[in-house]
Amino acid sequence: ETIYLYSAFLSGGYVKDGQFMSLGIFGSNLTAEMAGSERALNEMTKARKYRIIGAVSGFVATAVQIASIVIYLRDRDYVSKLGFQIATIGVGGVAGMLSMGFNRMAMGTTNRAVWLYNRDVMTGQLRFKTEETRGW
């Protein structure tokens, strides 16, 4: 019943009972798997929030950088081009750093949730789920 996380180049997941499973969108599959451990669910809720913030800030960073390149290429005679470039590099850089930080926080919180779940399994504190509570 214990779980461990694994990661590949462009994907990640978890292993339970020798089966590789996807984390799901923002960790939804793993959250459903941990339904019997209240402490682990609380950590997974935090991790989900961090993943969403990381994804949004990563999207913002990418959008700002692409917009900067497009505007630069379309209007080469823009008067305050240097100020615009510095501003977009700053905004994109800050959004990228936020994305990286929130993604790290999400991974740490997910690791902590898995540890709490495994601890509950090993100590017998986990309330095992029936098919109705699991949503099957």
N, C-alpha and C. Protein backbone atom coordinates (compact mmCIF):
# COMPACT_ATOMS: atom_id res chain seq x y z
N GLU A 1 0.80 -1.21 0.00
CA GLU A 1 0.00 0.00 0.00
C GLU A 1 0.84 1.27 0.00
N THR A 2 2.14 1.17 0.24
CA THR A 2 2.96 2.39 0.28
C THR A 2 3.17 2.91 -1.13
N ILE A 3 3.56 4.17 -1.19
CA ILE A 3 3.71 4.89 -2.46
C ILE A 3 5.11 5.48 -2.51
N TYR A 4 5.69 5.54 -3.70
CA TYR A 4 6.87 6.38 -3.89
C TYR A 4 6.76 7.12 -5.20
N LEU A 5 7.39 8.28 -5.25
CA LEU A 5 7.35 9.13 -6.43
C LEU A 5 8.47 8.77 -7.39
N TYR A 6 8.23 8.96 -8.66
CA TYR A 6 9.28 8.83 -9.66
C TYR A 6 9.12 9.96 -10.65
N SER A 7 10.18 10.30 -11.32
CA SER A 7 10.10 11.35 -12.33
C SER A 7 10.91 10.94 -13.55
N ALA A 8 10.39 11.31 -14.69
CA ALA A 8 11.07 11.10 -15.95
C ALA A 8 11.38 12.47 -16.54
N PHE A 9 11.89 12.50 -17.75
CA PHE A 9 12.31 13.76 -18.35
C PHE A 9 11.16 14.75 -18.47
N LEU A 10 10.05 14.35 -19.05
CA LEU A 10 8.92 15.26 -19.24
C LEU A 10 7.67 14.85 -18.47
N SER A 11 7.77 13.88 -17.61
CA SER A 11 6.59 13.44 -16.88
C SER A 11 6.98 12.99 -15.48
N GLY A 12 5.99 12.76 -14.70
CA GLY A 12 6.22 12.27 -13.36
C GLY A 12 5.05 11.41 -12.95
N GLY A 13 5.23 10.69 -11.89
CA GLY A 13 4.15 9.85 -11.42
C GLY A 13 4.49 9.24 -10.09
N TYR A 14 3.77 8.20 -9.75
CA TYR A 14 4.03 7.50 -8.51
C TYR A 14 3.85 6.01 -8.75
N VAL A 15 4.39 5.24 -7.84
CA VAL A 15 4.32 3.78 -7.94
C VAL A 15 3.61 3.27 -6.70
N LYS A 16 2.62 2.43 -6.92
CA LYS A 16 1.91 1.76 -5.83
C LYS A 16 1.62 0.34 -6.29
N ASP A 17 1.93 -0.61 -5.45
CA ASP A 17 1.75 -2.03 -5.77
C ASP A 17 2.48 -2.43 -7.05
N GLY A 18 3.63 -1.81 -7.30
CA GLY A 18 4.42 -2.14 -8.47
C GLY A 18 3.89 -1.57 -9.77
N GLN A 19 2.86 -0.74 -9.74
CA GLN A 19 2.29 -0.15 -10.94
C GLN A 19 2.66 1.32 -11.01
N PHE A 20 3.11 1.74 -12.19
CA PHE A 20 3.41 3.14 -12.43
C PHE A 20 2.12 3.87 -12.77
N MET A 21 1.86 4.96 -12.08
CA MET A 21 0.64 5.72 -12.31
C MET A 21 0.98 7.20 -12.48
N SER A 22 0.19 7.88 -13.26
CA SER A 22 0.36 9.30 -13.49
C SER A 22 -0.09 10.10 -12.27
N LEU A 23 0.57 11.22 -12.02
CA LEU A 23 0.14 12.09 -10.93
C LEU A 23 -1.22 12.71 -11.21
N GLY A 24 -1.55 12.89 -12.47
CA GLY A 24 -2.80 13.54 -12.85
C GLY A 24 -2.59 15.04 -12.95
N ILE A 25 -3.65 15.72 -13.32
CA ILE A 25 -3.58 17.17 -13.48
C ILE A 25 -3.39 17.80 -12.11
N PHE A 26 -2.26 18.46 -11.93
CA PHE A 26 -1.88 19.11 -10.68
C PHE A 26 -1.92 18.14 -9.50
N GLY A 27 -1.64 16.86 -9.75
CA GLY A 27 -1.57 15.86 -8.68
C GLY A 27 -2.90 15.26 -8.27
N SER A 28 -3.92 15.37 -9.12
CA SER A 28 -5.26 14.91 -8.74
C SER A 28 -5.33 13.39 -8.52
N ASN A 29 -4.62 12.60 -9.31
CA ASN A 29 -4.66 11.14 -9.12
C ASN A 29 -4.01 10.74 -7.78
N LEU A 30 -2.91 11.37 -7.47
CA LEU A 30 -2.24 11.07 -6.20
C LEU A 30 -3.08 11.52 -5.01
N THR A 31 -3.75 12.65 -5.15
CA THR A 31 -4.62 13.13 -4.08
C THR A 31 -5.75 12.14 -3.82
N ALA A 32 -6.33 11.61 -4.88
CA ALA A 32 -7.41 10.63 -4.71
C ALA A 32 -6.89 9.36 -4.05
N GLU A 33 -5.64 8.99 -4.35
CA GLU A 33 -5.05 7.79 -3.76
C GLU A 33 -4.85 7.93 -2.25
N MET A 34 -4.65 9.15 -1.79
CA MET A 34 -4.35 9.40 -0.38
C MET A 34 -5.59 9.73 0.44
N ALA A 35 -6.75 9.39 -0.04
CA ALA A 35 -8.01 9.81 0.59
C ALA A 35 -8.16 9.33 2.04
N GLY A 36 -7.44 8.32 2.47
CA GLY A 36 -7.59 7.83 3.84
C GLY A 36 -6.73 8.55 4.86
N SER A 37 -5.77 9.34 4.42
CA SER A 37 -4.86 10.01 5.34
C SER A 37 -5.13 11.52 5.33
N GLU A 38 -5.71 12.01 6.41
CA GLU A 38 -6.08 13.42 6.46
C GLU A 38 -4.87 14.35 6.37
N ARG A 39 -3.79 14.00 7.07
CA ARG A 39 -2.59 14.84 7.04
C ARG A 39 -1.98 14.88 5.64
N ALA A 40 -1.94 13.74 4.98
CA ALA A 40 -1.40 13.70 3.62
C ALA A 40 -2.28 14.49 2.66
N LEU A 41 -3.59 14.43 2.84
CA LEU A 41 -4.50 15.20 1.99
C LEU A 41 -4.29 16.70 2.17
N ASN A 42 -4.06 17.13 3.40
CA ASN A 42 -3.80 18.56 3.64
C ASN A 42 -2.54 19.01 2.90
N GLU A 43 -1.50 18.20 2.94
CA GLU A 43 -0.26 18.54 2.24
C GLU A 43 -0.48 18.54 0.72
N MET A 44 -1.25 17.57 0.22
CA MET A 44 -1.50 17.52 -1.23
C MET A 44 -2.33 18.71 -1.69
N THR A 45 -3.22 19.22 -0.82
CA THR A 45 -3.98 20.41 -1.16
C THR A 45 -3.05 21.60 -1.33
N LYS A 46 -2.09 21.73 -0.41
CA LYS A 46 -1.08 22.80 -0.52
C LYS A 46 -0.26 22.62 -1.80
N ALA A 47 0.17 21.39 -2.07
CA ALA A 47 0.98 21.12 -3.26
C ALA A 47 0.22 21.48 -4.52
N ARG A 48 -1.07 21.18 -4.56
CA ARG A 48 -1.89 21.50 -5.74
C ARG A 48 -1.93 23.02 -5.97
N LYS A 49 -2.11 23.78 -4.89
CA LYS A 49 -2.12 25.25 -5.00
C LYS A 49 -0.77 25.75 -5.53
N TYR A 50 0.31 25.20 -5.00
CA TYR A 50 1.64 25.62 -5.45
C TYR A 50 1.85 25.27 -6.92
N ARG A 51 1.38 24.10 -7.35
CA ARG A 51 1.53 23.70 -8.76
C ARG A 51 0.75 24.63 -9.68
N ILE A 52 -0.45 25.01 -9.27
CA ILE A 52 -1.26 25.91 -10.09
C ILE A 52 -0.59 27.28 -10.19
N ILE A 53 -0.11 27.81 -9.08
CA ILE A 53 0.57 29.12 -9.11
C ILE A 53 1.83 29.03 -9.96
N GLY A 54 2.57 27.93 -9.84
CA GLY A 54 3.78 27.74 -10.64
C GLY A 54 3.47 27.68 -12.13
N ALA A 55 2.39 27.00 -12.48
CA ALA A 55 2.01 26.89 -13.90
C ALA A 55 1.57 28.24 -14.45
N VAL A 56 0.79 28.98 -13.68
CA VAL A 56 0.32 30.28 -14.14
C VAL A 56 1.49 31.26 -14.29
N SER A 57 2.37 31.30 -13.31
CA SER A 57 3.50 32.23 -13.42
C SER A 57 4.46 31.81 -14.53
N GLY A 58 4.60 30.53 -14.79
CA GLY A 58 5.41 30.07 -15.91
C GLY A 58 4.79 30.48 -17.24
N PHE A 59 3.47 30.39 -17.33
CA PHE A 59 2.77 30.84 -18.54
C PHE A 59 2.96 32.34 -18.75
N VAL A 60 2.85 33.11 -17.67
CA VAL A 60 3.04 34.57 -17.76
C VAL A 60 4.45 34.89 -18.23
N ALA A 61 5.45 34.21 -17.68
CA ALA A 61 6.84 34.44 -18.08
C ALA A 61 7.03 34.17 -19.57
N THR A 62 6.48 33.07 -20.04
CA THR A 62 6.60 32.73 -21.45
C THR A 62 5.88 33.74 -22.33
N ALA A 63 4.66 34.11 -21.94
CA ALA A 63 3.88 35.07 -22.73
C ALA A 63 4.57 36.42 -22.81
N VAL A 64 5.13 36.89 -21.71
CA VAL A 64 5.82 38.19 -21.71
C VAL A 64 7.05 38.14 -22.61
N GLN A 65 7.80 37.07 -22.55
CA GLN A 65 9.00 36.97 -23.38
C GLN A 65 8.65 36.88 -24.86
N ILE A 66 7.61 36.13 -25.20
CA ILE A 66 7.19 36.03 -26.61
C ILE A 66 6.66 37.38 -27.10
N ALA A 67 5.85 38.05 -26.28
CA ALA A 67 5.33 39.37 -26.66
C ALA A 67 6.47 40.35 -26.85
N SER A 68 7.48 40.29 -26.01
CA SER A 68 8.63 41.18 -26.14
C SER A 68 9.35 40.97 -27.48
N ILE A 69 9.54 39.74 -27.84
CA ILE A 69 10.22 39.44 -29.11
C ILE A 69 9.38 39.90 -30.29
N VAL A 70 8.07 39.64 -30.26
CA VAL A 70 7.19 40.03 -31.37
C VAL A 70 7.15 41.54 -31.51
N ILE A 71 7.00 42.26 -30.42
CA ILE A 71 6.95 43.73 -30.48
C ILE A 71 8.28 44.28 -30.97
N TYR A 72 9.37 43.72 -30.53
CA TYR A 72 10.68 44.18 -30.97
C TYR A 72 10.86 43.97 -32.47
N LEU A 73 10.46 42.82 -32.97
CA LEU A 73 10.62 42.54 -34.39
C LEU A 73 9.68 43.35 -35.27
N ARG A 74 8.49 43.67 -34.78
CA ARG A 74 7.52 44.40 -35.58
C ARG A 74 7.79 45.90 -35.59
N ASP A 75 8.31 46.46 -34.52
CA ASP A 75 8.49 47.91 -34.41
C ASP A 75 9.92 48.22 -33.98
N ARG A 76 10.81 48.17 -34.94
CA ARG A 76 12.23 48.39 -34.63
C ARG A 76 12.55 49.85 -34.32
N ASP A 77 11.68 50.78 -34.66
CA ASP A 77 11.93 52.20 -34.43
C ASP A 77 11.27 52.72 -33.16
N TYR A 78 10.85 51.84 -32.29
CA TYR A 78 10.19 52.23 -31.06
C TYR A 78 11.15 53.08 -30.23
N VAL A 79 10.69 54.28 -29.77
CA VAL A 79 11.56 55.26 -29.14
C VAL A 79 12.19 54.74 -27.85
N SER A 80 11.41 54.21 -26.95
CA SER A 80 11.96 53.77 -25.67
C SER A 80 12.15 52.25 -25.67
N LYS A 81 12.75 51.77 -26.74
CA LYS A 81 12.94 50.33 -26.90
C LYS A 81 13.77 49.74 -25.77
N LEU A 82 14.81 50.42 -25.34
CA LEU A 82 15.68 49.89 -24.29
C LEU A 82 14.91 49.75 -22.97
N GLY A 83 14.11 50.75 -22.62
CA GLY A 83 13.30 50.68 -21.41
C GLY A 83 12.28 49.56 -21.49
N PHE A 84 11.68 49.39 -22.65
CA PHE A 84 10.72 48.32 -22.84
C PHE A 84 11.38 46.96 -22.71
N GLN A 85 12.54 46.81 -23.29
CA GLN A 85 13.26 45.54 -23.21
C GLN A 85 13.65 45.22 -21.78
N ILE A 86 14.14 46.20 -21.05
CA ILE A 86 14.52 45.98 -19.66
C ILE A 86 13.29 45.60 -18.83
N ALA A 87 12.17 46.28 -19.08
CA ALA A 87 10.94 45.97 -18.33
C ALA A 87 10.46 44.55 -18.62
N THR A 88 10.45 44.15 -19.88
CA THR A 88 9.96 42.80 -20.20
C THR A 88 10.91 41.73 -19.69
N ILE A 89 12.20 41.99 -19.74
CA ILE A 89 13.16 41.03 -19.19
C ILE A 89 12.95 40.90 -17.68
N GLY A 90 12.72 42.02 -17.02
CA GLY A 90 12.48 42.00 -15.57
C GLY A 90 11.20 41.27 -15.21
N VAL A 91 10.11 41.59 -15.89
CA VAL A 91 8.83 40.95 -15.59
C VAL A 91 8.90 39.46 -15.91
N GLY A 92 9.46 39.11 -17.07
CA GLY A 92 9.58 37.71 -17.44
C GLY A 92 10.50 36.94 -16.49
N GLY A 93 11.58 37.58 -16.09
CA GLY A 93 12.51 36.93 -15.16
C GLY A 93 11.90 36.68 -13.79
N VAL A 94 11.19 37.69 -13.29
CA VAL A 94 10.54 37.53 -11.99
C VAL A 94 9.47 36.45 -12.06
N ALA A 95 8.67 36.44 -13.12
CA ALA A 95 7.63 35.42 -13.26
C ALA A 95 8.26 34.03 -13.39
N GLY A 96 9.37 33.93 -14.11
CA GLY A 96 10.06 32.65 -14.25
C GLY A 96 10.62 32.16 -12.92
N MET A 97 11.19 33.05 -12.14
CA MET A 97 11.72 32.67 -10.82
C MET A 97 10.59 32.25 -9.89
N LEU A 98 9.46 32.96 -9.94
CA LEU A 98 8.31 32.57 -9.13
C LEU A 98 7.83 31.18 -9.52
N SER A 99 7.78 30.93 -10.81
CA SER A 99 7.35 29.62 -11.30
C SER A 99 8.26 28.52 -10.77
N MET A 100 9.55 28.74 -10.89
CA MET A 100 10.51 27.75 -10.42
C MET A 100 10.39 27.53 -8.91
N GLY A 101 10.24 28.60 -8.16
CA GLY A 101 10.11 28.50 -6.71
C GLY A 101 8.84 27.77 -6.29
N PHE A 102 7.72 28.10 -6.91
CA PHE A 102 6.48 27.43 -6.56
C PHE A 102 6.49 25.97 -6.98
N ASN A 103 7.13 25.64 -8.10
CA ASN A 103 7.23 24.24 -8.50
C ASN A 103 8.09 23.44 -7.52
N ARG A 104 9.15 24.06 -7.02
CA ARG A 104 9.97 23.39 -5.99
C ARG A 104 9.18 23.19 -4.71
N MET A 105 8.43 24.21 -4.31
CA MET A 105 7.60 24.08 -3.11
C MET A 105 6.57 22.97 -3.29
N ALA A 106 5.99 22.87 -4.48
CA ALA A 106 5.01 21.83 -4.75
C ALA A 106 5.64 20.44 -4.65
N MET A 107 6.83 20.29 -5.17
CA MET A 107 7.49 18.98 -5.10
C MET A 107 7.84 18.62 -3.66
N GLY A 108 8.31 19.58 -2.89
CA GLY A 108 8.62 19.32 -1.49
C GLY A 108 7.38 18.97 -0.69
N THR A 109 6.30 19.66 -0.95
CA THR A 109 5.06 19.38 -0.25
C THR A 109 4.49 18.03 -0.66
N THR A 110 4.63 17.68 -1.93
CA THR A 110 4.19 16.36 -2.40
C THR A 110 5.01 15.26 -1.74
N ASN A 111 6.31 15.46 -1.63
CA ASN A 111 7.16 14.48 -0.94
C ASN A 111 6.74 14.31 0.51
N ARG A 112 6.44 15.43 1.16
CA ARG A 112 6.00 15.36 2.55
C ARG A 112 4.65 14.62 2.66
N ALA A 113 3.74 14.86 1.70
CA ALA A 113 2.44 14.17 1.71
C ALA A 113 2.63 12.67 1.54
N VAL A 114 3.53 12.27 0.63
CA VAL A 114 3.78 10.84 0.43
C VAL A 114 4.38 10.24 1.70
N TRP A 115 5.29 10.95 2.33
CA TRP A 115 5.89 10.45 3.57
C TRP A 115 4.81 10.27 4.64
N LEU A 116 3.92 11.25 4.80
CA LEU A 116 2.85 11.16 5.79
C LEU A 116 1.91 9.99 5.48
N TYR A 117 1.59 9.82 4.20
CA TYR A 117 0.72 8.71 3.80
C TYR A 117 1.38 7.37 4.13
N ASN A 118 2.65 7.24 3.76
CA ASN A 118 3.36 5.99 4.03
C ASN A 118 3.48 5.73 5.53
N ARG A 119 3.69 6.79 6.31
CA ARG A 119 3.76 6.63 7.77
C ARG A 119 2.43 6.12 8.31
N ASP A 120 1.33 6.68 7.80
CA ASP A 120 0.01 6.24 8.25
C ASP A 120 -0.26 4.79 7.85
N VAL A 121 0.20 4.39 6.66
CA VAL A 121 0.04 3.00 6.22
C VAL A 121 0.84 2.08 7.13
N MET A 122 2.08 2.42 7.39
CA MET A 122 2.97 1.55 8.16
C MET A 122 2.54 1.44 9.63
N THR A 123 1.98 2.50 10.18
CA THR A 123 1.57 2.45 11.59
C THR A 123 0.15 1.96 11.77
N GLY A 124 -0.57 1.71 10.68
CA GLY A 124 -1.94 1.23 10.77
C GLY A 124 -2.96 2.30 11.06
N GLN A 125 -2.59 3.56 10.94
CA GLN A 125 -3.51 4.66 11.22
C GLN A 125 -4.39 5.01 10.02
N LEU A 126 -4.07 4.46 8.86
CA LEU A 126 -4.80 4.80 7.64
C LEU A 126 -6.15 4.11 7.64
N ARG A 127 -7.17 4.90 7.38
CA ARG A 127 -8.51 4.34 7.20
C ARG A 127 -8.61 3.93 5.74
N PHE A 128 -8.56 2.63 5.47
CA PHE A 128 -8.60 2.18 4.09
C PHE A 128 -9.94 2.49 3.47
N LYS A 129 -9.88 2.87 2.22
CA LYS A 129 -11.04 3.35 1.52
C LYS A 129 -11.88 2.18 0.98
N THR A 130 -13.17 2.39 0.97
CA THR A 130 -14.04 1.45 0.28
C THR A 130 -14.25 1.97 -1.13
N GLU A 131 -14.89 1.20 -1.97
CA GLU A 131 -15.07 1.62 -3.35
C GLU A 131 -15.97 2.85 -3.44
N GLU A 132 -16.93 3.01 -2.51
CA GLU A 132 -17.81 4.19 -2.56
C GLU A 132 -17.04 5.47 -2.24
N THR A 133 -16.18 5.45 -1.22
CA THR A 133 -15.48 6.66 -0.83
C THR A 133 -14.36 7.00 -1.80
N ARG A 134 -13.89 6.05 -2.54
CA ARG A 134 -12.82 6.32 -3.48
C ARG A 134 -13.33 6.90 -4.78
N GLY A 135 -14.60 6.74 -5.07
CA GLY A 135 -15.16 7.32 -6.28
C GLY A 135 -15.11 6.38 -7.47
N TRP A 136 -15.03 5.08 -7.24
CA TRP A 136 -15.00 4.14 -8.37
C TRP A 136 -16.38 3.87 -8.88
